[in-house]
Each structure stands twice: as structure tokens, then as C-alpha cells.
Amino acid sequence: MPYIAVCEDDPTVDSVALRSREKDAHFAYIETILDRLLVAGPLADVPGGEHIGSLFVYAADSEADARQLLENDPYYRAGIYGQVRLAPFVPAAGQWIGGTIW
């Protein structure tokens, strides 16, 4: 089942410096779980602006499985994220799924 993780940067840390420091490790980790990612990418304050978080949609067996995928990410481990919302996600409509499920 897909699980979505919306991760907002912690405003009390220097997330720009942490992202810079952890970027190579983060990308390397992402490459190891590509078969478990439906889509992922940064969130920005404005188009083309500063990163303010990340969004991940995992192909996971359970919430615990999705949480483990998130918590193994170097960005998570570095303390970049202050608030994380993790929830089951039902892709119901859109171009990425080829229309609708109804």
C-alpha cells in the first residue's frame, strides 16, 4: 500500500547546511530504495525557491515499514525534519495513475 510522508524542515536548525552536508548520503540512500519509492522530491517555499521539506510516497507493507524507510534516510537522521506526517495514501485520480480508479 502506498504511504505518503510529508516532511517539513525544522525551523530551529540550519537545514540548508544540513542538506548540503548530507546530500550525497541522502541521494545514495534514495538509490537503494528506488524500488520502494513511487515518487519523491523536495518541497519549496515558492517555485524554484528554498527547500522547506520533502515529500515521499513509499510502496510499503505497513506504516511501520514506511516509517523505517523514512527513518533510515540520512536527511531524517541528521535532524532536518521538524514535523513529519505519515499516512496511508490511495492514488485515486490523475495523470500519474492513468485516470481514475472508479
PDB file of N, CA and C in Angstrom:
ATOM      1  N   MET A   1       0.842  -1.182   0.000  1.00  0.00           N
ATOM      2  CA  MET A   1       0.000   0.000   0.000  1.00  0.00           C
ATOM      3  C   MET A   1       0.881   1.237   0.000  1.00  0.00           C
ATOM      4  N   PRO A   2       0.522   2.256  -0.737  1.00  0.00           N
ATOM      5  CA  PRO A   2       1.281   3.496  -0.681  1.00  0.00           C
ATOM      6  C   PRO A   2       1.103   4.217   0.662  1.00  0.00           C
ATOM      7  N   TYR A   3       2.189   4.760   1.139  1.00  0.00           N
ATOM      8  CA  TYR A   3       2.189   5.642   2.302  1.00  0.00           C
ATOM      9  C   TYR A   3       2.874   6.925   1.895  1.00  0.00           C
ATOM     10  N   ILE A   4       2.277   8.048   2.304  1.00  0.00           N
ATOM     11  CA  ILE A   4       2.850   9.347   1.991  1.00  0.00           C
ATOM     12  C   ILE A   4       3.511   9.907   3.244  1.00  0.00           C
ATOM     13  N   ALA A   5       4.682  10.479   3.057  1.00  0.00           N
ATOM     14  CA  ALA A   5       5.386  11.167   4.144  1.00  0.00           C
ATOM     15  C   ALA A   5       5.615  12.605   3.708  1.00  0.00           C
ATOM     16  N   VAL A   6       5.012  13.531   4.432  1.00  0.00           N
ATOM     17  CA  VAL A   6       5.232  14.953   4.203  1.00  0.00           C
ATOM     18  C   VAL A   6       6.120  15.429   5.348  1.00  0.00           C
ATOM     19  N   CYS A   7       7.327  15.835   4.995  1.00  0.00           N
ATOM     20  CA  CYS A   7       8.348  16.176   5.987  1.00  0.00           C
ATOM     21  C   CYS A   7       8.674  17.658   5.886  1.00  0.00           C
ATOM     22  N   GLU A   8       8.370  18.410   6.932  1.00  0.00           N
ATOM     23  CA  GLU A   8       8.667  19.838   6.958  1.00  0.00           C
ATOM     24  C   GLU A   8       9.969  20.064   7.703  1.00  0.00           C
ATOM     25  N   ASP A   9      10.822  20.913   7.128  1.00  0.00           N
ATOM     26  CA  ASP A   9      12.094  21.223   7.777  1.00  0.00           C
ATOM     27  C   ASP A   9      11.867  21.849   9.141  1.00  0.00           C
ATOM     28  N   ASP A  10      12.750  21.527  10.072  1.00  0.00           N
ATOM     29  CA  ASP A  10      12.719  22.096  11.415  1.00  0.00           C
ATOM     30  C   ASP A  10      13.236  23.529  11.323  1.00  0.00           C
ATOM     31  N   PRO A  11      12.426  24.521  11.680  1.00  0.00           N
ATOM     32  CA  PRO A  11      12.863  25.912  11.564  1.00  0.00           C
ATOM     33  C   PRO A  11      13.965  26.303  12.555  1.00  0.00           C
ATOM     34  N   THR A  12      14.241  25.434  13.535  1.00  0.00           N
ATOM     35  CA  THR A  12      15.259  25.772  14.540  1.00  0.00           C
ATOM     36  C   THR A  12      16.646  25.280  14.162  1.00  0.00           C
ATOM     37  N   VAL A  13      16.778  24.600  13.013  1.00  0.00           N
ATOM     38  CA  VAL A  13      18.098  24.118  12.577  1.00  0.00           C
ATOM     39  C   VAL A  13      18.454  24.759  11.248  1.00  0.00           C
ATOM     40  N   ASP A  14      19.721  24.731  10.906  1.00  0.00           N
ATOM     41  CA  ASP A  14      20.190  25.245   9.621  1.00  0.00           C
ATOM     42  C   ASP A  14      20.024  24.139   8.584  1.00  0.00           C
ATOM     43  N   SER A  15      18.795  24.014   8.069  1.00  0.00           N
ATOM     44  CA  SER A  15      18.503  22.918   7.144  1.00  0.00           C
ATOM     45  C   SER A  15      19.274  23.046   5.835  1.00  0.00           C
ATOM     46  N   VAL A  16      19.607  24.255   5.424  1.00  0.00           N
ATOM     47  CA  VAL A  16      20.396  24.433   4.193  1.00  0.00           C
ATOM     48  C   VAL A  16      21.767  23.793   4.375  1.00  0.00           C
ATOM     49  N   ALA A  17      22.417  24.058   5.496  1.00  0.00           N
ATOM     50  CA  ALA A  17      23.735  23.477   5.761  1.00  0.00           C
ATOM     51  C   ALA A  17      23.642  21.966   5.934  1.00  0.00           C
ATOM     52  N   LEU A  18      22.609  21.496   6.650  1.00  0.00           N
ATOM     53  CA  LEU A  18      22.446  20.063   6.846  1.00  0.00           C
ATOM     54  C   LEU A  18      22.178  19.346   5.526  1.00  0.00           C
ATOM     55  N   ARG A  19      21.324  19.933   4.675  1.00  0.00           N
ATOM     56  CA  ARG A  19      21.067  19.329   3.363  1.00  0.00           C
ATOM     57  C   ARG A  19      22.353  19.251   2.544  1.00  0.00           C
ATOM     58  N   SER A  20      23.113  20.308   2.577  1.00  0.00           N
ATOM     59  CA  SER A  20      24.375  20.321   1.827  1.00  0.00           C
ATOM     60  C   SER A  20      25.316  19.229   2.330  1.00  0.00           C
ATOM     61  N   ARG A  21      25.423  19.100   3.631  1.00  0.00           N
ATOM     62  CA  ARG A  21      26.313  18.107   4.234  1.00  0.00           C
ATOM     63  C   ARG A  21      25.858  16.675   3.945  1.00  0.00           C
ATOM     64  N   GLU A  22      24.550  16.436   3.959  1.00  0.00           N
ATOM     65  CA  GLU A  22      24.005  15.084   3.846  1.00  0.00           C
ATOM     66  C   GLU A  22      23.529  14.710   2.440  1.00  0.00           C
ATOM     67  N   LYS A  23      23.635  15.639   1.485  1.00  0.00           N
ATOM     68  CA  LYS A  23      23.069  15.415   0.153  1.00  0.00           C
ATOM     69  C   LYS A  23      23.566  14.136  -0.512  1.00  0.00           C
ATOM     70  N   ASP A  24      24.873  13.915  -0.533  1.00  0.00           N
ATOM     71  CA  ASP A  24      25.405  12.722  -1.198  1.00  0.00           C
ATOM     72  C   ASP A  24      24.909  11.436  -0.538  1.00  0.00           C
ATOM     73  N   ALA A  25      24.888  11.422   0.791  1.00  0.00           N
ATOM     74  CA  ALA A  25      24.404  10.235   1.512  1.00  0.00           C
ATOM     75  C   ALA A  25      22.901  10.041   1.276  1.00  0.00           C
ATOM     76  N   HIS A  26      22.162  11.142   1.253  1.00  0.00           N
ATOM     77  CA  HIS A  26      20.712  11.065   1.004  1.00  0.00           C
ATOM     78  C   HIS A  26      20.449  10.479  -0.383  1.00  0.00           C
ATOM     79  N   PHE A  27      21.124  11.020  -1.410  1.00  0.00           N
ATOM     80  CA  PHE A  27      20.917  10.519  -2.771  1.00  0.00           C
ATOM     81  C   PHE A  27      21.339   9.060  -2.893  1.00  0.00           C
ATOM     82  N   ALA A  28      22.418   8.687  -2.249  1.00  0.00           N
ATOM     83  CA  ALA A  28      22.865   7.283  -2.272  1.00  0.00           C
ATOM     84  C   ALA A  28      21.806   6.390  -1.628  1.00  0.00           C
ATOM     85  N   TYR A  29      21.230   6.832  -0.512  1.00  0.00           N
ATOM     86  CA  TYR A  29      20.184   6.054   0.142  1.00  0.00           C
ATOM     87  C   TYR A  29      18.959   5.933  -0.763  1.00  0.00           C
ATOM     88  N   ILE A  30      18.547   7.044  -1.354  1.00  0.00           N
ATOM     89  CA  ILE A  30      17.383   7.031  -2.244  1.00  0.00           C
ATOM     90  C   ILE A  30      17.580   6.005  -3.359  1.00  0.00           C
ATOM     91  N   GLU A  31      18.788   5.937  -3.894  1.00  0.00           N
ATOM     92  CA  GLU A  31      19.059   4.981  -4.967  1.00  0.00           C
ATOM     93  C   GLU A  31      18.909   3.530  -4.496  1.00  0.00           C
ATOM     94  N   THR A  32      19.130   3.284  -3.206  1.00  0.00           N
ATOM     95  CA  THR A  32      18.981   1.911  -2.694  1.00  0.00           C
ATOM     96  C   THR A  32      17.530   1.518  -2.487  1.00  0.00           C
ATOM     97  N   ILE A  33      16.626   2.494  -2.436  1.00  0.00           N
ATOM     98  CA  ILE A  33      15.209   2.185  -2.196  1.00  0.00           C
ATOM     99  C   ILE A  33      14.317   2.596  -3.373  1.00  0.00           C
ATOM    100  N   LEU A  34      14.904   2.794  -4.549  1.00  0.00           N
ATOM    101  CA  LEU A  34      14.095   3.221  -5.694  1.00  0.00           C
ATOM    102  C   LEU A  34      12.927   2.290  -5.968  1.00  0.00           C
ATOM    103  N   ASP A  35      13.109   1.006  -5.732  1.00  0.00           N
ATOM    104  CA  ASP A  35      12.019   0.051  -5.959  1.00  0.00           C
ATOM    105  C   ASP A  35      10.900   0.198  -4.931  1.00  0.00           C
ATOM    106  N   ARG A  36      11.127   0.964  -3.871  1.00  0.00           N
ATOM    107  CA  ARG A  36      10.126   1.186  -2.820  1.00  0.00           C
ATOM    108  C   ARG A  36       9.519   2.592  -2.893  1.00  0.00           C
ATOM    109  N   LEU A  37      10.035   3.434  -3.809  1.00  0.00           N
ATOM    110  CA  LEU A  37       9.551   4.807  -3.944  1.00  0.00           C
ATOM    111  C   LEU A  37       8.640   4.927  -5.156  1.00  0.00           C
ATOM    112  N   LEU A  38       7.453   5.447  -4.943  1.00  0.00           N
ATOM    113  CA  LEU A  38       6.556   5.725  -6.053  1.00  0.00           C
ATOM    114  C   LEU A  38       6.858   7.098  -6.628  1.00  0.00           C
ATOM    115  N   VAL A  39       7.193   8.041  -5.768  1.00  0.00           N
ATOM    116  CA  VAL A  39       7.627   9.374  -6.162  1.00  0.00           C
ATOM    117  C   VAL A  39       8.223  10.041  -4.924  1.00  0.00           C
ATOM    118  N   ALA A  40       9.170  10.919  -5.146  1.00  0.00           N
ATOM    119  CA  ALA A  40       9.778  11.661  -4.033  1.00  0.00           C
ATOM    120  C   ALA A  40      10.391  12.943  -4.580  1.00  0.00           C
ATOM    121  N   GLY A  41      10.509  13.932  -3.707  1.00  0.00           N
ATOM    122  CA  GLY A  41      11.160  15.169  -4.113  1.00  0.00           C
ATOM    123  C   GLY A  41      11.048  16.230  -3.043  1.00  0.00           C
ATOM    124  N   PRO A  42      11.772  17.329  -3.278  1.00  0.00           N
ATOM    125  CA  PRO A  42      11.770  18.419  -2.298  1.00  0.00           C
ATOM    126  C   PRO A  42      10.514  19.277  -2.392  1.00  0.00           C
ATOM    127  N   LEU A  43      10.176  19.879  -1.265  1.00  0.00           N
ATOM    128  CA  LEU A  43       9.144  20.907  -1.211  1.00  0.00           C
ATOM    129  C   LEU A  43       9.858  22.252  -1.166  1.00  0.00           C
ATOM    130  N   ALA A  44       9.283  23.253  -1.805  1.00  0.00           N
ATOM    131  CA  ALA A  44       9.910  24.573  -1.847  1.00  0.00           C
ATOM    132  C   ALA A  44       8.939  25.631  -1.334  1.00  0.00           C
ATOM    133  N   ASP A  45       9.492  26.750  -0.860  1.00  0.00           N
ATOM    134  CA  ASP A  45       8.643  27.827  -0.362  1.00  0.00           C
ATOM    135  C   ASP A  45       7.918  28.529  -1.512  1.00  0.00           C
ATOM    136  N   VAL A  46       8.561  28.635  -2.661  1.00  0.00           N
ATOM    137  CA  VAL A  46       7.986  29.159  -3.900  1.00  0.00           C
ATOM    138  C   VAL A  46       8.625  28.369  -5.040  1.00  0.00           C
ATOM    139  N   PRO A  47       8.026  28.351  -6.219  1.00  0.00           N
ATOM    140  CA  PRO A  47       8.652  27.617  -7.325  1.00  0.00           C
ATOM    141  C   PRO A  47      10.102  28.058  -7.537  1.00  0.00           C
ATOM    142  N   GLY A  48      11.004  27.085  -7.506  1.00  0.00           N
ATOM    143  CA  GLY A  48      12.423  27.381  -7.673  1.00  0.00           C
ATOM    144  C   GLY A  48      13.084  27.968  -6.435  1.00  0.00           C
ATOM    145  N   GLY A  49      12.358  28.025  -5.337  1.00  0.00           N
ATOM    146  CA  GLY A  49      12.859  28.648  -4.119  1.00  0.00           C
ATOM    147  C   GLY A  49      13.591  27.690  -3.200  1.00  0.00           C
ATOM    148  N   GLU A  50      13.768  28.119  -1.974  1.00  0.00           N
ATOM    149  CA  GLU A  50      14.458  27.334  -0.956  1.00  0.00           C
ATOM    150  C   GLU A  50      13.676  26.072  -0.619  1.00  0.00           C
ATOM    151  N   HIS A  51      14.395  24.999  -0.335  1.00  0.00           N
ATOM    152  CA  HIS A  51      13.749  23.769   0.109  1.00  0.00           C
ATOM    153  C   HIS A  51      13.243  23.968   1.531  1.00  0.00           C
ATOM    154  N   ILE A  52      12.012  23.560   1.742  1.00  0.00           N
ATOM    155  CA  ILE A  52      11.403  23.679   3.075  1.00  0.00           C
ATOM    156  C   ILE A  52      10.940  22.332   3.604  1.00  0.00           C
ATOM    157  N   GLY A  53      11.232  21.281   2.842  1.00  0.00           N
ATOM    158  CA  GLY A  53      10.822  19.953   3.269  1.00  0.00           C
ATOM    159  C   GLY A  53      10.973  18.955   2.141  1.00  0.00           C
ATOM    160  N   SER A  54      10.406  17.778   2.370  1.00  0.00           N
ATOM    161  CA  SER A  54      10.455  16.704   1.384  1.00  0.00           C
ATOM    162  C   SER A  54       9.133  15.968   1.388  1.00  0.00           C
ATOM    163  N   LEU A  55       8.832  15.360   0.240  1.00  0.00           N
ATOM    164  CA  LEU A  55       7.654  14.523   0.110  1.00  0.00           C
ATOM    165  C   LEU A  55       8.101  13.170  -0.440  1.00  0.00           C
ATOM    166  N   PHE A  56       7.640  12.121   0.199  1.00  0.00           N
ATOM    167  CA  PHE A  56       7.938  10.760  -0.241  1.00  0.00           C
ATOM    168  C   PHE A  56       6.626   9.993  -0.334  1.00  0.00           C
ATOM    169  N   VAL A  57       6.466   9.186  -1.378  1.00  0.00           N
ATOM    170  CA  VAL A  57       5.374   8.233  -1.449  1.00  0.00           C
ATOM    171  C   VAL A  57       6.038   6.867  -1.577  1.00  0.00           C
ATOM    172  N   TYR A  58       5.914   6.100  -0.499  1.00  0.00           N
ATOM    173  CA  TYR A  58       6.559   4.790  -0.408  1.00  0.00           C
ATOM    174  C   TYR A  58       5.589   3.674  -0.794  1.00  0.00           C
ATOM    175  N   ALA A  59       6.106   2.634  -1.412  1.00  0.00           N
ATOM    176  CA  ALA A  59       5.382   1.376  -1.569  1.00  0.00           C
ATOM    177  C   ALA A  59       5.770   0.544  -0.352  1.00  0.00           C
ATOM    178  N   ALA A  60       4.878   0.500   0.634  1.00  0.00           N
ATOM    179  CA  ALA A  60       5.222  -0.111   1.922  1.00  0.00           C
ATOM    180  C   ALA A  60       4.171  -1.137   2.320  1.00  0.00           C
ATOM    181  N   ASP A  61       4.595  -2.091   3.109  1.00  0.00           N
ATOM    182  CA  ASP A  61       3.694  -3.137   3.586  1.00  0.00           C
ATOM    183  C   ASP A  61       2.855  -2.690   4.775  1.00  0.00           C
ATOM    184  N   SER A  62       3.341  -1.670   5.492  1.00  0.00           N
ATOM    185  CA  SER A  62       2.654  -1.199   6.689  1.00  0.00           C
ATOM    186  C   SER A  62       3.197   0.182   7.040  1.00  0.00           C
ATOM    187  N   GLU A  63       2.547   0.826   7.995  1.00  0.00           N
ATOM    188  CA  GLU A  63       3.047   2.124   8.457  1.00  0.00           C
ATOM    189  C   GLU A  63       4.434   1.962   9.068  1.00  0.00           C
ATOM    190  N   ALA A  64       4.657   0.878   9.801  1.00  0.00           N
ATOM    191  CA  ALA A  64       5.976   0.636  10.401  1.00  0.00           C
ATOM    192  C   ALA A  64       7.051   0.492   9.318  1.00  0.00           C
ATOM    193  N   ASP A  65       6.717  -0.168   8.243  1.00  0.00           N
ATOM    194  CA  ASP A  65       7.644  -0.328   7.120  1.00  0.00           C
ATOM    195  C   ASP A  65       7.963   1.029   6.498  1.00  0.00           C
ATOM    196  N   ALA A  66       6.932   1.847   6.267  1.00  0.00           N
ATOM    197  CA  ALA A  66       7.145   3.177   5.701  1.00  0.00           C
ATOM    198  C   ALA A  66       7.974   4.040   6.650  1.00  0.00           C
ATOM    199  N   ARG A  67       7.686   3.950   7.942  1.00  0.00           N
ATOM    200  CA  ARG A  67       8.451   4.734   8.931  1.00  0.00           C
ATOM    201  C   ARG A  67       9.920   4.324   8.924  1.00  0.00           C
ATOM    202  N   GLN A  68      10.183   3.046   8.780  1.00  0.00           N
ATOM    203  CA  GLN A  68      11.571   2.583   8.736  1.00  0.00           C
ATOM    204  C   GLN A  68      12.285   3.128   7.491  1.00  0.00           C
ATOM    205  N   LEU A  69      11.600   3.127   6.354  1.00  0.00           N
ATOM    206  CA  LEU A  69      12.187   3.694   5.149  1.00  0.00           C
ATOM    207  C   LEU A  69      12.545   5.162   5.372  1.00  0.00           C
ATOM    208  N   LEU A  70      11.637   5.906   5.987  1.00  0.00           N
ATOM    209  CA  LEU A  70      11.886   7.323   6.272  1.00  0.00           C
ATOM    210  C   LEU A  70      13.019   7.499   7.276  1.00  0.00           C
ATOM    211  N   GLU A  71      12.968   6.766   8.376  1.00  0.00           N
ATOM    212  CA  GLU A  71      13.936   6.961   9.453  1.00  0.00           C
ATOM    213  C   GLU A  71      15.349   6.519   9.079  1.00  0.00           C
ATOM    214  N   ASN A  72      15.496   5.712   8.034  1.00  0.00           N
ATOM    215  CA  ASN A  72      16.829   5.333   7.561  1.00  0.00           C
ATOM    216  C   ASN A  72      17.440   6.375   6.629  1.00  0.00           C
ATOM    217  N   ASP A  73      16.666   7.359   6.243  1.00  0.00           N
ATOM    218  CA  ASP A  73      17.145   8.401   5.336  1.00  0.00           C
ATOM    219  C   ASP A  73      18.123   9.327   6.079  1.00  0.00           C
ATOM    220  N   PRO A  74      19.283   9.598   5.479  1.00  0.00           N
ATOM    221  CA  PRO A  74      20.243  10.494   6.126  1.00  0.00           C
ATOM    222  C   PRO A  74      19.688  11.885   6.443  1.00  0.00           C
ATOM    223  N   TYR A  75      18.770  12.392   5.649  1.00  0.00           N
ATOM    224  CA  TYR A  75      18.165  13.690   5.971  1.00  0.00           C
ATOM    225  C   TYR A  75      17.381  13.591   7.286  1.00  0.00           C
ATOM    226  N   TYR A  76      16.634  12.526   7.448  1.00  0.00           N
ATOM    227  CA  TYR A  76      15.879  12.323   8.685  1.00  0.00           C
ATOM    228  C   TYR A  76      16.840  12.182   9.858  1.00  0.00           C
ATOM    229  N   ARG A  77      17.846  11.339   9.692  1.00  0.00           N
ATOM    230  CA  ARG A  77      18.807  11.093  10.768  1.00  0.00           C
ATOM    231  C   ARG A  77      19.592  12.336  11.163  1.00  0.00           C
ATOM    232  N   ALA A  78      19.782  13.255  10.219  1.00  0.00           N
ATOM    233  CA  ALA A  78      20.524  14.493  10.504  1.00  0.00           C
ATOM    234  C   ALA A  78      19.682  15.506  11.256  1.00  0.00           C
ATOM    235  N   GLY A  79      18.385  15.244  11.400  1.00  0.00           N
ATOM    236  CA  GLY A  79      17.521  16.160  12.140  1.00  0.00           C
ATOM    237  C   GLY A  79      16.996  17.315  11.305  1.00  0.00           C
ATOM    238  N   ILE A  80      16.958  17.153   9.991  1.00  0.00           N
ATOM    239  CA  ILE A  80      16.455  18.228   9.128  1.00  0.00           C
ATOM    240  C   ILE A  80      14.965  18.452   9.341  1.00  0.00           C
ATOM    241  N   TYR A  81      14.232  17.365   9.509  1.00  0.00           N
ATOM    242  CA  TYR A  81      12.777  17.474   9.574  1.00  0.00           C
ATOM    243  C   TYR A  81      12.294  17.723  10.996  1.00  0.00           C
ATOM    244  N   GLY A  82      11.429  18.714  11.129  1.00  0.00           N
ATOM    245  CA  GLY A  82      10.845  19.016  12.423  1.00  0.00           C
ATOM    246  C   GLY A  82       9.496  18.363  12.594  1.00  0.00           C
ATOM    247  N   GLN A  83       8.684  18.409  11.535  1.00  0.00           N
ATOM    248  CA  GLN A  83       7.358  17.820  11.589  1.00  0.00           C
ATOM    249  C   GLN A  83       7.227  16.837  10.432  1.00  0.00           C
ATOM    250  N   VAL A  84       6.731  15.652  10.734  1.00  0.00           N
ATOM    251  CA  VAL A  84       6.540  14.608   9.731  1.00  0.00           C
ATOM    252  C   VAL A  84       5.114  14.091   9.833  1.00  0.00           C
ATOM    253  N   ARG A  85       4.443  14.036   8.703  1.00  0.00           N
ATOM    254  CA  ARG A  85       3.099  13.441   8.629  1.00  0.00           C
ATOM    255  C   ARG A  85       3.214  12.193   7.765  1.00  0.00           C
ATOM    256  N   LEU A  86       2.888  11.051   8.323  1.00  0.00           N
ATOM    257  CA  LEU A  86       2.951   9.778   7.627  1.00  0.00           C
ATOM    258  C   LEU A  86       1.553   9.173   7.633  1.00  0.00           C
ATOM    259  N   ALA A  87       1.038   8.825   6.444  1.00  0.00           N
ATOM    260  CA  ALA A  87      -0.329   8.305   6.375  1.00  0.00           C
ATOM    261  C   ALA A  87      -0.488   7.399   5.163  1.00  0.00           C
ATOM    262  N   PRO A  88      -1.434   6.448   5.255  1.00  0.00           N
ATOM    263  CA  PRO A  88      -1.756   5.655   4.076  1.00  0.00           C
ATOM    264  C   PRO A  88      -2.276   6.588   2.978  1.00  0.00           C
ATOM    265  N   PHE A  89      -2.006   6.229   1.744  1.00  0.00           N
ATOM    266  CA  PHE A  89      -2.380   7.071   0.610  1.00  0.00           C
ATOM    267  C   PHE A  89      -3.021   6.204  -0.455  1.00  0.00           C
ATOM    268  N   VAL A  90      -4.169   6.635  -0.941  1.00  0.00           N
ATOM    269  CA  VAL A  90      -4.864   5.911  -2.004  1.00  0.00           C
ATOM    270  C   VAL A  90      -4.813   6.762  -3.270  1.00  0.00           C
ATOM    271  N   PRO A  91      -3.969   6.397  -4.228  1.00  0.00           N
ATOM    272  CA  PRO A  91      -3.950   7.126  -5.500  1.00  0.00           C
ATOM    273  C   PRO A  91      -5.276   6.883  -6.229  1.00  0.00           C
ATOM    274  N   ALA A  92      -6.118   7.905  -6.344  1.00  0.00           N
ATOM    275  CA  ALA A  92      -7.461   7.712  -6.865  1.00  0.00           C
ATOM    276  C   ALA A  92      -7.696   8.365  -8.223  1.00  0.00           C
ATOM    277  N   ALA A  93      -6.934   9.385  -8.554  1.00  0.00           N
ATOM    278  CA  ALA A  93      -7.165  10.064  -9.826  1.00  0.00           C
ATOM    279  C   ALA A  93      -5.928  10.849 -10.230  1.00  0.00           C
ATOM    280  N   GLY A  94      -5.738  10.972 -11.520  1.00  0.00           N
ATOM    281  CA  GLY A  94      -4.668  11.815 -12.024  1.00  0.00           C
ATOM    282  C   GLY A  94      -3.899  11.190 -13.171  1.00  0.00           C
ATOM    283  N   GLN A  95      -3.071  11.999 -13.764  1.00  0.00           N
ATOM    284  CA  GLN A  95      -2.268  11.566 -14.901  1.00  0.00           C
ATOM    285  C   GLN A  95      -1.305  10.451 -14.535  1.00  0.00           C
ATOM    286  N   TRP A  96      -0.713  10.524 -13.350  1.00  0.00           N
ATOM    287  CA  TRP A  96       0.288   9.534 -12.952  1.00  0.00           C
ATOM    288  C   TRP A  96      -0.288   8.138 -12.823  1.00  0.00           C
ATOM    289  N   ILE A  97      -1.572   8.036 -12.530  1.00  0.00           N
ATOM    290  CA  ILE A  97      -2.170   6.697 -12.416  1.00  0.00           C
ATOM    291  C   ILE A  97      -3.027   6.367 -13.636  1.00  0.00           C
ATOM    292  N   GLY A  98      -2.982   7.215 -14.640  1.00  0.00           N
ATOM    293  CA  GLY A  98      -3.670   6.924 -15.889  1.00  0.00           C
ATOM    294  C   GLY A  98      -5.169   7.152 -15.866  1.00  0.00           C
ATOM    295  N   GLY A  99      -5.618   8.062 -15.045  1.00  0.00           N
ATOM    296  CA  GLY A  99      -7.055   8.386 -14.985  1.00  0.00           C
ATOM    297  C   GLY A  99      -7.586   8.306 -13.581  1.00  0.00           C
ATOM    298  N   THR A 100      -8.595   7.446 -13.401  1.00  0.00           N
ATOM    299  CA  THR A 100      -9.242   7.311 -12.098  1.00  0.00           C
ATOM    300  C   THR A 100      -9.331   5.834 -11.727  1.00  0.00           C
ATOM    301  N   ILE A 101      -9.649   5.595 -10.468  1.00  0.00           N
ATOM    302  CA  ILE A 101      -9.830   4.209 -10.026  1.00  0.00           C
ATOM    303  C   ILE A 101     -11.297   3.813  -9.966  1.00  0.00           C
ATOM    304  N   TRP A 102     -12.191   4.739 -10.297  1.00  0.00           N
ATOM    305  CA  TRP A 102     -13.611   4.395 -10.255  1.00  0.00           C
ATOM    306  C   TRP A 102     -14.149   4.168 -11.634  1.00  0.00           C
TER     307      TRP A 102
END
